[in-house]
N, C-alpha and C. Protein backbone atom coordinates (compact mmCIF):
# COMPACT_ATOMS: atom_id res chain seq x y z
N PHE A 1 21.85 59.43 -61.64
CA PHE A 1 22.84 59.83 -60.64
C PHE A 1 22.42 59.40 -59.23
N PHE A 2 21.14 59.48 -58.93
CA PHE A 2 20.67 59.12 -57.60
C PHE A 2 20.28 57.65 -57.47
N PHE A 3 20.26 56.91 -58.56
CA PHE A 3 19.79 55.53 -58.50
C PHE A 3 20.62 54.64 -57.59
N PRO A 4 21.98 54.70 -57.64
CA PRO A 4 22.76 53.83 -56.76
C PRO A 4 22.44 54.06 -55.29
N PHE A 5 22.36 55.35 -54.88
CA PHE A 5 22.06 55.65 -53.48
C PHE A 5 20.68 55.14 -53.10
N SER A 6 19.72 55.32 -54.01
CA SER A 6 18.36 54.84 -53.75
C SER A 6 18.35 53.33 -53.61
N GLY A 7 19.16 52.67 -54.43
CA GLY A 7 19.22 51.22 -54.35
C GLY A 7 19.78 50.74 -53.03
N VAL A 8 20.80 51.43 -52.52
CA VAL A 8 21.38 51.08 -51.22
C VAL A 8 20.36 51.27 -50.11
N MET A 9 19.64 52.40 -50.18
CA MET A 9 18.62 52.67 -49.16
C MET A 9 17.53 51.62 -49.19
N LEU A 10 17.12 51.24 -50.40
CA LEU A 10 16.07 50.23 -50.54
C LEU A 10 16.52 48.89 -49.98
N PHE A 11 17.78 48.54 -50.24
CA PHE A 11 18.32 47.29 -49.72
C PHE A 11 18.36 47.32 -48.19
N ALA A 12 18.80 48.47 -47.63
CA ALA A 12 18.89 48.59 -46.17
C ALA A 12 17.52 48.45 -45.52
N ILE A 13 16.52 49.11 -46.13
CA ILE A 13 15.17 49.03 -45.59
C ILE A 13 14.65 47.60 -45.65
N SER A 14 14.90 46.93 -46.77
CA SER A 14 14.45 45.55 -46.93
C SER A 14 15.13 44.63 -45.93
N PHE A 15 16.42 44.86 -45.70
CA PHE A 15 17.18 44.03 -44.77
C PHE A 15 16.63 44.17 -43.34
N VAL A 16 16.36 45.41 -42.96
CA VAL A 16 15.79 45.66 -41.62
C VAL A 16 14.43 44.99 -41.49
N ALA A 17 13.62 45.06 -42.54
CA ALA A 17 12.29 44.45 -42.51
C ALA A 17 12.39 42.94 -42.34
N ILE A 18 13.37 42.32 -43.00
CA ILE A 18 13.56 40.87 -42.89
C ILE A 18 13.98 40.50 -41.46
N LEU A 19 14.89 41.29 -40.89
CA LEU A 19 15.32 41.02 -39.51
C LEU A 19 14.15 41.13 -38.54
N ASN A 20 13.32 42.14 -38.75
CA ASN A 20 12.15 42.31 -37.88
C ASN A 20 11.20 41.13 -37.99
N SER A 21 11.00 40.64 -39.22
CA SER A 21 10.09 39.52 -39.42
C SER A 21 10.64 38.26 -38.78
N LEU A 22 11.97 38.07 -38.84
CA LEU A 22 12.57 36.91 -38.19
C LEU A 22 12.41 36.99 -36.68
N GLY A 23 12.52 38.19 -36.15
CA GLY A 23 12.33 38.36 -34.72
C GLY A 23 10.92 38.03 -34.29
N HIS A 24 9.94 38.45 -35.08
CA HIS A 24 8.54 38.18 -34.76
C HIS A 24 8.20 36.70 -34.88
N MET A 25 8.94 35.99 -35.75
CA MET A 25 8.68 34.56 -35.91
C MET A 25 8.92 33.83 -34.60
N GLY A 26 9.89 34.29 -33.81
CA GLY A 26 10.15 33.67 -32.53
C GLY A 26 9.02 33.85 -31.54
N ASP A 27 8.21 34.89 -31.76
CA ASP A 27 7.08 35.15 -30.87
C ASP A 27 5.86 34.33 -31.23
N ALA A 28 5.87 33.72 -32.42
CA ALA A 28 4.67 33.01 -32.90
C ALA A 28 4.22 31.89 -31.98
N PRO A 29 5.13 30.98 -31.52
CA PRO A 29 4.67 29.91 -30.62
C PRO A 29 4.05 30.44 -29.34
N LYS A 30 4.66 31.52 -28.79
CA LYS A 30 4.12 32.10 -27.55
C LYS A 30 2.73 32.68 -27.79
N MET A 31 2.57 33.37 -28.94
CA MET A 31 1.26 33.95 -29.27
C MET A 31 0.23 32.85 -29.44
N LYS A 32 0.63 31.75 -30.09
CA LYS A 32 -0.29 30.63 -30.30
C LYS A 32 -0.70 30.02 -28.97
N LEU A 33 0.27 29.84 -28.07
CA LEU A 33 -0.01 29.25 -26.76
C LEU A 33 -0.94 30.15 -25.96
N THR A 34 -0.69 31.45 -26.01
CA THR A 34 -1.56 32.40 -25.30
C THR A 34 -2.98 32.31 -25.80
N ARG A 35 -3.14 32.27 -27.11
CA ARG A 35 -4.47 32.20 -27.71
C ARG A 35 -5.18 30.90 -27.32
N VAL A 36 -4.44 29.80 -27.31
CA VAL A 36 -5.03 28.50 -26.96
C VAL A 36 -5.56 28.52 -25.53
N PHE A 37 -4.74 29.02 -24.60
CA PHE A 37 -5.15 29.01 -23.19
C PHE A 37 -6.25 30.02 -22.90
N ARG A 38 -6.21 31.15 -23.58
CA ARG A 38 -7.26 32.14 -23.37
C ARG A 38 -8.61 31.60 -23.82
N ASN A 39 -8.60 30.64 -24.73
CA ASN A 39 -9.85 30.00 -25.17
C ASN A 39 -10.25 28.83 -24.27
N LEU A 40 -9.25 28.17 -23.69
CA LEU A 40 -9.53 26.97 -22.89
C LEU A 40 -10.32 27.26 -21.63
N VAL A 41 -9.91 28.26 -20.88
CA VAL A 41 -10.55 28.55 -19.60
C VAL A 41 -12.03 28.90 -19.76
N PRO A 42 -12.41 29.80 -20.69
CA PRO A 42 -13.84 30.06 -20.89
C PRO A 42 -14.61 28.82 -21.31
N ARG A 43 -13.99 27.96 -22.12
CA ARG A 43 -14.66 26.72 -22.53
C ARG A 43 -14.95 25.84 -21.32
N ALA A 44 -13.96 25.70 -20.45
CA ALA A 44 -14.13 24.86 -19.26
C ALA A 44 -15.20 25.43 -18.33
N ARG A 45 -15.19 26.74 -18.16
CA ARG A 45 -16.20 27.37 -17.30
C ARG A 45 -17.60 27.23 -17.89
N HIS A 46 -17.68 27.37 -19.21
CA HIS A 46 -18.98 27.21 -19.87
C HIS A 46 -19.49 25.78 -19.71
N LEU A 47 -18.57 24.82 -19.81
CA LEU A 47 -18.96 23.42 -19.63
C LEU A 47 -19.52 23.19 -18.23
N HIS A 48 -18.89 23.78 -17.24
CA HIS A 48 -19.36 23.64 -15.86
C HIS A 48 -20.74 24.29 -15.68
N HIS A 49 -20.93 25.47 -16.25
CA HIS A 49 -22.23 26.14 -16.16
C HIS A 49 -23.32 25.33 -16.86
N LEU A 50 -22.97 24.74 -18.01
CA LEU A 50 -23.93 23.93 -18.74
C LEU A 50 -24.27 22.66 -17.96
N ALA A 51 -23.26 22.06 -17.32
CA ALA A 51 -23.50 20.87 -16.50
C ALA A 51 -24.43 21.20 -15.33
N THR A 52 -24.25 22.36 -14.73
CA THR A 52 -25.12 22.80 -13.64
C THR A 52 -26.54 23.01 -14.13
N ALA A 53 -26.67 23.61 -15.30
CA ALA A 53 -28.00 23.87 -15.87
C ALA A 53 -28.76 22.58 -16.16
N ILE A 54 -28.08 21.61 -16.77
CA ILE A 54 -28.76 20.35 -17.11
C ILE A 54 -29.07 19.56 -15.84
N TYR A 55 -28.21 19.65 -14.83
CA TYR A 55 -28.48 18.97 -13.55
C TYR A 55 -29.75 19.53 -12.92
N LYS A 56 -29.87 20.84 -12.86
CA LYS A 56 -31.05 21.47 -12.25
C LYS A 56 -32.31 21.18 -13.05
N GLU A 57 -32.19 21.22 -14.38
CA GLU A 57 -33.35 20.95 -15.23
C GLU A 57 -33.79 19.50 -15.10
N PHE A 58 -32.83 18.59 -15.03
CA PHE A 58 -33.15 17.18 -14.87
C PHE A 58 -33.84 16.94 -13.54
N GLU A 59 -33.31 17.53 -12.49
CA GLU A 59 -33.88 17.37 -11.16
C GLU A 59 -35.31 17.92 -11.11
N ARG A 60 -35.51 19.09 -11.70
CA ARG A 60 -36.83 19.72 -11.70
C ARG A 60 -37.84 18.87 -12.46
N THR A 61 -37.39 18.22 -13.53
CA THR A 61 -38.29 17.46 -14.39
C THR A 61 -38.60 16.07 -13.84
N TYR A 62 -37.59 15.39 -13.30
CA TYR A 62 -37.74 13.97 -12.97
C TYR A 62 -37.80 13.65 -11.48
N VAL A 63 -37.20 14.47 -10.64
CA VAL A 63 -37.05 14.10 -9.23
C VAL A 63 -38.06 14.86 -8.37
N PRO A 64 -38.93 14.14 -7.64
CA PRO A 64 -39.87 14.80 -6.73
C PRO A 64 -39.14 15.63 -5.68
N GLN A 65 -39.78 16.67 -5.22
CA GLN A 65 -39.16 17.60 -4.27
C GLN A 65 -38.61 16.89 -3.04
N GLU A 66 -39.38 15.94 -2.51
CA GLU A 66 -38.97 15.28 -1.26
C GLU A 66 -37.78 14.33 -1.46
N GLN A 67 -37.46 14.00 -2.71
CA GLN A 67 -36.36 13.06 -2.97
C GLN A 67 -35.09 13.77 -3.47
N ARG A 68 -35.15 15.06 -3.63
CA ARG A 68 -34.03 15.75 -4.27
C ARG A 68 -32.75 15.75 -3.44
N HIS A 69 -32.89 15.82 -2.14
CA HIS A 69 -31.68 15.81 -1.31
C HIS A 69 -30.97 14.47 -1.39
N SER A 70 -31.73 13.38 -1.35
CA SER A 70 -31.12 12.05 -1.40
C SER A 70 -30.55 11.75 -2.77
N SER A 71 -31.13 12.34 -3.82
CA SER A 71 -30.63 12.08 -5.18
C SER A 71 -29.25 12.67 -5.40
N LYS A 72 -28.87 13.64 -4.56
CA LYS A 72 -27.57 14.28 -4.72
C LYS A 72 -26.43 13.47 -4.11
N LYS A 73 -26.80 12.50 -3.27
CA LYS A 73 -25.77 11.70 -2.61
C LYS A 73 -25.19 10.68 -3.59
N THR A 74 -23.88 10.70 -3.70
CA THR A 74 -23.22 9.78 -4.61
C THR A 74 -22.09 9.08 -3.87
N ALA A 75 -22.21 7.78 -3.71
CA ALA A 75 -21.18 7.04 -2.97
C ALA A 75 -19.89 6.94 -3.77
N PHE A 76 -20.01 6.86 -5.08
CA PHE A 76 -18.83 6.66 -5.91
C PHE A 76 -18.99 7.36 -7.24
N CYS A 77 -18.04 8.22 -7.58
CA CYS A 77 -18.05 8.85 -8.89
C CYS A 77 -17.27 7.96 -9.86
N TYR A 78 -17.76 7.85 -11.06
CA TYR A 78 -17.17 6.93 -12.03
C TYR A 78 -15.74 7.31 -12.40
N SER A 79 -15.39 8.56 -12.23
CA SER A 79 -14.04 9.01 -12.57
C SER A 79 -13.09 8.97 -11.37
N ALA A 80 -13.55 8.40 -10.25
CA ALA A 80 -12.74 8.41 -9.02
C ALA A 80 -11.46 7.61 -9.16
N THR A 81 -11.41 6.68 -10.11
CA THR A 81 -10.21 5.86 -10.28
C THR A 81 -9.08 6.64 -10.95
N ILE A 82 -9.38 7.80 -11.51
CA ILE A 82 -8.34 8.63 -12.12
C ILE A 82 -7.54 9.29 -11.00
N GLN A 83 -6.24 9.06 -10.99
CA GLN A 83 -5.39 9.55 -9.90
C GLN A 83 -5.00 11.01 -10.12
N ALA A 84 -6.00 11.86 -10.24
CA ALA A 84 -5.77 13.29 -10.42
C ALA A 84 -5.76 13.98 -9.06
N PRO A 85 -5.06 15.11 -8.94
CA PRO A 85 -5.03 15.82 -7.65
C PRO A 85 -6.42 16.26 -7.22
N ARG A 86 -6.69 16.16 -5.91
CA ARG A 86 -8.03 16.44 -5.41
C ARG A 86 -8.07 17.57 -4.39
N ASN A 87 -6.94 18.19 -4.13
CA ASN A 87 -6.95 19.34 -3.24
C ASN A 87 -5.91 20.35 -3.73
N LYS A 88 -5.89 21.50 -3.08
CA LYS A 88 -5.03 22.60 -3.52
C LYS A 88 -3.56 22.22 -3.48
N GLU A 89 -3.14 21.58 -2.40
CA GLU A 89 -1.73 21.23 -2.24
C GLU A 89 -1.26 20.28 -3.34
N GLU A 90 -2.04 19.24 -3.60
CA GLU A 90 -1.68 18.28 -4.65
C GLU A 90 -1.65 18.95 -6.01
N THR A 91 -2.62 19.82 -6.26
CA THR A 91 -2.71 20.49 -7.56
C THR A 91 -1.50 21.38 -7.80
N LEU A 92 -1.08 22.13 -6.80
CA LEU A 92 0.05 23.05 -6.95
C LEU A 92 1.36 22.32 -7.20
N GLN A 93 1.44 21.05 -6.78
CA GLN A 93 2.67 20.28 -6.97
C GLN A 93 2.81 19.73 -8.39
N LYS A 94 1.75 19.76 -9.16
CA LYS A 94 1.78 19.20 -10.51
C LYS A 94 2.27 20.23 -11.52
N SER A 95 2.96 19.72 -12.55
CA SER A 95 3.42 20.59 -13.62
C SER A 95 2.25 20.95 -14.54
N ASP A 96 2.48 21.91 -15.41
CA ASP A 96 1.44 22.32 -16.35
C ASP A 96 1.04 21.16 -17.27
N VAL A 97 2.05 20.43 -17.75
CA VAL A 97 1.75 19.30 -18.64
C VAL A 97 0.94 18.23 -17.91
N GLU A 98 1.29 17.97 -16.65
CA GLU A 98 0.54 16.98 -15.87
C GLU A 98 -0.91 17.42 -15.68
N LEU A 99 -1.12 18.68 -15.36
CA LEU A 99 -2.49 19.17 -15.15
C LEU A 99 -3.30 19.11 -16.43
N LEU A 100 -2.65 19.39 -17.55
CA LEU A 100 -3.35 19.27 -18.83
C LEU A 100 -3.70 17.82 -19.13
N CYS A 101 -2.77 16.91 -18.84
CA CYS A 101 -3.04 15.49 -19.07
C CYS A 101 -4.17 14.98 -18.19
N PHE A 102 -4.17 15.37 -16.93
CA PHE A 102 -5.26 14.98 -16.04
C PHE A 102 -6.59 15.55 -16.54
N SER A 103 -6.56 16.79 -16.99
CA SER A 103 -7.78 17.41 -17.52
C SER A 103 -8.30 16.63 -18.72
N LEU A 104 -7.39 16.24 -19.60
CA LEU A 104 -7.79 15.50 -20.79
C LEU A 104 -8.37 14.14 -20.42
N ILE A 105 -7.74 13.44 -19.49
CA ILE A 105 -8.24 12.13 -19.07
C ILE A 105 -9.63 12.25 -18.47
N ILE A 106 -9.83 13.25 -17.61
CA ILE A 106 -11.15 13.43 -16.99
C ILE A 106 -12.20 13.73 -18.05
N ILE A 107 -11.86 14.61 -18.98
CA ILE A 107 -12.81 14.95 -20.05
C ILE A 107 -13.15 13.72 -20.88
N GLN A 108 -12.12 12.96 -21.26
CA GLN A 108 -12.34 11.77 -22.08
C GLN A 108 -13.14 10.71 -21.34
N SER A 109 -12.99 10.66 -20.03
CA SER A 109 -13.70 9.64 -19.25
C SER A 109 -15.21 9.83 -19.28
N TRP A 110 -15.65 11.05 -19.63
CA TRP A 110 -17.09 11.33 -19.61
C TRP A 110 -17.76 11.25 -20.98
N ILE A 111 -17.00 11.02 -22.02
CA ILE A 111 -17.58 11.02 -23.37
C ILE A 111 -18.61 9.91 -23.52
N ASN A 112 -18.24 8.68 -23.19
CA ASN A 112 -19.19 7.56 -23.32
C ASN A 112 -20.38 7.67 -22.37
N PRO A 113 -20.17 8.02 -21.09
CA PRO A 113 -21.32 8.18 -20.20
C PRO A 113 -22.33 9.21 -20.70
N LEU A 114 -21.84 10.32 -21.23
CA LEU A 114 -22.77 11.34 -21.72
C LEU A 114 -23.47 10.91 -23.00
N LYS A 115 -22.79 10.11 -23.81
CA LYS A 115 -23.46 9.53 -24.98
C LYS A 115 -24.62 8.64 -24.54
N ASN A 116 -24.35 7.78 -23.56
CA ASN A 116 -25.39 6.88 -23.05
C ASN A 116 -26.52 7.66 -22.38
N LEU A 117 -26.16 8.71 -21.68
CA LEU A 117 -27.16 9.54 -21.01
C LEU A 117 -28.10 10.18 -22.03
N SER A 118 -27.55 10.61 -23.13
CA SER A 118 -28.37 11.23 -24.18
C SER A 118 -29.40 10.25 -24.73
N HIS A 119 -29.03 8.98 -24.82
CA HIS A 119 -29.97 7.96 -25.31
C HIS A 119 -31.03 7.63 -24.26
N LEU A 120 -30.68 7.80 -23.00
CA LEU A 120 -31.60 7.43 -21.92
C LEU A 120 -32.70 8.46 -21.71
N ILE A 121 -32.39 9.73 -21.94
CA ILE A 121 -33.32 10.82 -21.64
C ILE A 121 -34.36 10.98 -22.75
N THR A 122 -35.61 11.07 -22.35
CA THR A 122 -36.71 11.23 -23.32
C THR A 122 -37.23 12.66 -23.39
N ASN A 123 -37.01 13.44 -22.32
CA ASN A 123 -37.44 14.84 -22.33
C ASN A 123 -36.68 15.60 -23.41
N ARG A 124 -37.42 16.26 -24.32
CA ARG A 124 -36.79 16.87 -25.48
C ARG A 124 -35.80 17.97 -25.09
N HIS A 125 -36.21 18.84 -24.16
CA HIS A 125 -35.34 19.95 -23.78
C HIS A 125 -34.05 19.46 -23.13
N ILE A 126 -34.17 18.49 -22.23
CA ILE A 126 -32.98 17.96 -21.57
C ILE A 126 -32.12 17.18 -22.56
N HIS A 127 -32.78 16.51 -23.51
CA HIS A 127 -32.04 15.78 -24.54
C HIS A 127 -31.18 16.74 -25.37
N VAL A 128 -31.76 17.89 -25.71
CA VAL A 128 -31.01 18.90 -26.47
C VAL A 128 -29.84 19.42 -25.64
N LEU A 129 -30.09 19.66 -24.35
CA LEU A 129 -29.02 20.13 -23.46
C LEU A 129 -27.90 19.11 -23.33
N SER A 130 -28.27 17.83 -23.22
CA SER A 130 -27.25 16.79 -23.07
C SER A 130 -26.41 16.65 -24.33
N ASN A 131 -27.04 16.80 -25.50
CA ASN A 131 -26.28 16.77 -26.75
C ASN A 131 -25.33 17.96 -26.84
N ARG A 132 -25.81 19.11 -26.39
CA ARG A 132 -24.96 20.30 -26.38
C ARG A 132 -23.80 20.12 -25.41
N LEU A 133 -24.08 19.49 -24.29
CA LEU A 133 -23.03 19.22 -23.30
C LEU A 133 -21.94 18.34 -23.90
N LEU A 134 -22.36 17.31 -24.62
CA LEU A 134 -21.40 16.42 -25.26
C LEU A 134 -20.58 17.16 -26.32
N GLU A 135 -21.24 18.04 -27.06
CA GLU A 135 -20.55 18.84 -28.07
C GLU A 135 -19.48 19.73 -27.44
N LYS A 136 -19.83 20.38 -26.33
CA LYS A 136 -18.87 21.25 -25.64
C LYS A 136 -17.74 20.44 -25.01
N LEU A 137 -18.06 19.23 -24.59
CA LEU A 137 -17.05 18.34 -24.03
C LEU A 137 -16.01 17.99 -25.09
N ARG A 138 -16.48 17.66 -26.28
CA ARG A 138 -15.58 17.35 -27.39
C ARG A 138 -14.73 18.57 -27.76
N ASP A 139 -15.36 19.73 -27.72
CA ASP A 139 -14.67 20.97 -28.05
C ASP A 139 -13.53 21.23 -27.07
N LEU A 140 -13.80 21.02 -25.79
CA LEU A 140 -12.77 21.22 -24.78
C LEU A 140 -11.67 20.18 -24.91
N GLU A 141 -12.06 18.95 -25.21
CA GLU A 141 -11.07 17.88 -25.42
C GLU A 141 -10.09 18.28 -26.52
N GLU A 142 -10.62 18.78 -27.62
CA GLU A 142 -9.76 19.19 -28.74
C GLU A 142 -8.83 20.33 -28.34
N GLY A 143 -9.36 21.30 -27.59
CA GLY A 143 -8.54 22.43 -27.16
C GLY A 143 -7.40 22.00 -26.25
N ILE A 144 -7.67 21.08 -25.33
CA ILE A 144 -6.63 20.59 -24.43
C ILE A 144 -5.56 19.83 -25.21
N GLN A 145 -5.98 19.06 -26.20
CA GLN A 145 -5.03 18.31 -27.02
C GLN A 145 -4.10 19.26 -27.77
N VAL A 146 -4.64 20.37 -28.27
CA VAL A 146 -3.81 21.37 -28.96
C VAL A 146 -2.80 21.97 -27.99
N ALA A 147 -3.25 22.33 -26.79
CA ALA A 147 -2.35 22.90 -25.78
C ALA A 147 -1.24 21.91 -25.41
N LEU A 148 -1.59 20.64 -25.29
CA LEU A 148 -0.59 19.63 -24.96
C LEU A 148 0.44 19.47 -26.07
N ARG A 149 -0.02 19.50 -27.31
CA ARG A 149 0.92 19.37 -28.43
C ARG A 149 1.93 20.51 -28.42
N VAL A 150 1.48 21.71 -28.08
CA VAL A 150 2.39 22.85 -28.03
C VAL A 150 3.36 22.72 -26.87
N LEU A 151 2.85 22.37 -25.68
CA LEU A 151 3.70 22.29 -24.49
C LEU A 151 4.65 21.11 -24.52
N GLU A 152 4.20 19.98 -25.05
CA GLU A 152 5.03 18.78 -25.02
C GLU A 152 6.23 18.88 -25.95
N LYS A 153 6.21 19.84 -26.86
CA LYS A 153 7.39 20.09 -27.69
C LYS A 153 8.51 20.67 -26.84
N ARG A 154 8.15 21.25 -25.70
CA ARG A 154 9.14 21.86 -24.81
C ARG A 154 9.37 21.02 -23.57
N SER A 155 8.77 19.86 -23.50
CA SER A 155 8.88 19.04 -22.29
C SER A 155 9.21 17.61 -22.68
N ASP A 156 10.02 16.94 -21.85
CA ASP A 156 10.35 15.54 -22.11
C ASP A 156 9.41 14.62 -21.35
N ARG A 157 8.41 15.20 -20.69
CA ARG A 157 7.47 14.39 -19.91
C ARG A 157 6.23 14.12 -20.74
N HIS A 158 5.79 12.89 -20.74
CA HIS A 158 4.58 12.54 -21.47
C HIS A 158 3.75 11.57 -20.64
N MET A 159 2.47 11.81 -20.58
CA MET A 159 1.57 10.93 -19.84
C MET A 159 0.55 10.35 -20.80
N ASP A 160 0.28 9.08 -20.64
CA ASP A 160 -0.74 8.45 -21.48
C ASP A 160 -2.12 8.96 -21.10
N THR A 161 -2.97 9.04 -22.11
CA THR A 161 -4.38 9.36 -21.86
C THR A 161 -5.21 8.23 -22.42
N TYR A 162 -6.45 8.13 -21.97
CA TYR A 162 -7.28 7.09 -22.55
C TYR A 162 -8.60 7.67 -22.99
N SER A 163 -9.07 7.16 -24.12
CA SER A 163 -10.24 7.74 -24.77
C SER A 163 -11.51 6.96 -24.45
N LYS A 164 -11.39 5.87 -23.68
CA LYS A 164 -12.58 5.08 -23.35
C LYS A 164 -12.65 4.87 -21.85
N PHE A 165 -13.82 5.06 -21.32
CA PHE A 165 -14.02 4.88 -19.88
C PHE A 165 -15.44 4.38 -19.73
N GLU A 166 -15.57 3.11 -19.44
CA GLU A 166 -16.90 2.50 -19.46
C GLU A 166 -17.69 2.82 -18.20
N VAL A 167 -18.91 3.23 -18.40
CA VAL A 167 -19.83 3.49 -17.30
C VAL A 167 -21.13 2.76 -17.60
N ILE A 168 -21.60 1.99 -16.64
CA ILE A 168 -22.83 1.23 -16.83
C ILE A 168 -24.00 1.99 -16.22
N LEU A 169 -24.89 2.45 -17.06
CA LEU A 169 -26.09 3.13 -16.59
C LEU A 169 -27.14 2.09 -16.21
N PRO A 170 -28.18 2.47 -15.48
CA PRO A 170 -29.20 1.51 -15.05
C PRO A 170 -29.76 0.69 -16.21
N ALA A 171 -29.73 -0.63 -16.07
CA ALA A 171 -30.18 -1.51 -17.14
C ALA A 171 -31.67 -1.41 -17.39
N ASP A 172 -32.43 -1.02 -16.37
CA ASP A 172 -33.88 -0.96 -16.52
C ASP A 172 -34.34 0.36 -17.12
N GLY A 173 -33.39 1.21 -17.49
CA GLY A 173 -33.76 2.49 -18.09
C GLY A 173 -34.20 3.52 -17.08
N SER A 174 -34.01 3.23 -15.79
CA SER A 174 -34.41 4.17 -14.75
C SER A 174 -33.56 5.42 -14.82
N VAL A 175 -34.21 6.56 -14.59
CA VAL A 175 -33.48 7.82 -14.61
C VAL A 175 -33.15 8.31 -13.21
N MET A 176 -33.57 7.57 -12.18
CA MET A 176 -33.43 8.06 -10.82
C MET A 176 -31.98 8.09 -10.34
N LYS A 177 -31.08 7.32 -10.99
CA LYS A 177 -29.68 7.35 -10.60
C LYS A 177 -28.88 8.38 -11.40
N VAL A 178 -29.52 8.97 -12.39
CA VAL A 178 -28.82 9.92 -13.26
C VAL A 178 -28.40 11.19 -12.53
N PRO A 179 -29.19 11.73 -11.58
CA PRO A 179 -28.72 12.92 -10.87
C PRO A 179 -27.35 12.74 -10.22
N GLY A 180 -27.09 11.54 -9.68
CA GLY A 180 -25.78 11.28 -9.10
C GLY A 180 -24.69 11.34 -10.16
N LEU A 181 -24.99 10.81 -11.34
CA LEU A 181 -24.05 10.85 -12.45
C LEU A 181 -23.76 12.29 -12.85
N LEU A 182 -24.82 13.09 -12.96
CA LEU A 182 -24.66 14.48 -13.35
C LEU A 182 -23.92 15.28 -12.28
N ALA A 183 -24.17 14.94 -11.01
CA ALA A 183 -23.46 15.62 -9.92
C ALA A 183 -21.96 15.34 -10.00
N CYS A 184 -21.61 14.10 -10.33
CA CYS A 184 -20.20 13.75 -10.51
C CYS A 184 -19.59 14.52 -11.67
N PHE A 185 -20.32 14.60 -12.76
CA PHE A 185 -19.79 15.31 -13.93
C PHE A 185 -19.60 16.79 -13.62
N ARG A 186 -20.58 17.37 -12.94
CA ARG A 186 -20.47 18.79 -12.59
C ARG A 186 -19.23 19.05 -11.73
N LYS A 187 -18.98 18.13 -10.79
CA LYS A 187 -17.80 18.26 -9.93
C LYS A 187 -16.51 18.13 -10.74
N ASP A 188 -16.49 17.19 -11.68
CA ASP A 188 -15.30 17.01 -12.51
C ASP A 188 -15.08 18.19 -13.45
N ALA A 189 -16.17 18.76 -13.96
CA ALA A 189 -16.06 19.92 -14.83
C ALA A 189 -15.44 21.10 -14.08
N HIS A 190 -15.84 21.25 -12.82
CA HIS A 190 -15.26 22.31 -11.99
C HIS A 190 -13.79 22.04 -11.71
N ARG A 191 -13.46 20.77 -11.52
CA ARG A 191 -12.06 20.41 -11.26
C ARG A 191 -11.18 20.72 -12.47
N VAL A 192 -11.66 20.40 -13.66
CA VAL A 192 -10.91 20.69 -14.88
C VAL A 192 -10.74 22.19 -15.06
N ALA A 193 -11.80 22.95 -14.81
CA ALA A 193 -11.72 24.41 -14.92
C ALA A 193 -10.67 24.96 -13.96
N THR A 194 -10.58 24.38 -12.77
CA THR A 194 -9.58 24.81 -11.78
C THR A 194 -8.17 24.52 -12.27
N TYR A 195 -7.94 23.32 -12.82
CA TYR A 195 -6.62 22.97 -13.36
C TYR A 195 -6.21 23.95 -14.46
N LEU A 196 -7.10 24.16 -15.41
CA LEU A 196 -6.78 25.01 -16.56
C LEU A 196 -6.56 26.46 -16.14
N ASN A 197 -7.32 26.90 -15.17
CA ASN A 197 -7.15 28.27 -14.67
C ASN A 197 -5.79 28.44 -14.01
N LEU A 198 -5.33 27.42 -13.28
CA LEU A 198 -4.02 27.48 -12.63
C LEU A 198 -2.91 27.52 -13.67
N VAL A 199 -2.99 26.66 -14.68
CA VAL A 199 -1.97 26.64 -15.73
C VAL A 199 -1.91 27.99 -16.43
N THR A 200 -3.06 28.56 -16.74
CA THR A 200 -3.11 29.86 -17.41
C THR A 200 -2.52 30.95 -16.52
N PHE A 201 -2.83 30.91 -15.24
CA PHE A 201 -2.30 31.91 -14.31
C PHE A 201 -0.78 31.82 -14.22
N ARG A 202 -0.26 30.60 -14.16
CA ARG A 202 1.19 30.42 -14.06
C ARG A 202 1.92 31.02 -15.26
N ARG A 203 1.33 30.89 -16.41
CA ARG A 203 2.02 31.27 -17.64
C ARG A 203 1.78 32.71 -18.07
N PHE A 204 0.64 33.26 -17.74
CA PHE A 204 0.29 34.56 -18.32
C PHE A 204 -0.08 35.63 -17.31
N ALA A 205 -0.04 35.30 -16.00
CA ALA A 205 -0.41 36.31 -15.00
C ALA A 205 0.67 37.38 -14.89
């Protein structure tokens, strides 16, 4: 006697559950994007901290005290040809996709130089740090690529990136020019962290 009524109730409950699940499906891309960006900013900051650590360790190990100030002077950073924004005003004018693309290009531009740097360094501790730096660089590159894939589905704008950026290290194996290279990388790591932090703030603040 009660079975038909129970069947109707069961159907109604199931129908409501299906509607709720369909509604939550629309939230999935947003949740994925939030998770991606919440991971990106700490990765970028960690990369900058690691770059600072290896710079200081390299300087302490290889550069005499009286030469440390001059070793920090760099006339030209290898990534200077990348037309990325260099001040607050320029950065704020760029879209989220543009800032992600610039971040990716900057990160990719350092992959080969850091590979070469790892081969050049003989100090075991610094060698381990440089390998770790390269690993974190690759990790951040992958994270930015994921974020771009998600965002570019909603944008008709696309910017080319390049995966190779040649940097010629001293042919004689000298390490005295390396501090300038590391100073450039540390500056670029901070720049990428700034871009990613701005994109995250725009979307989730």
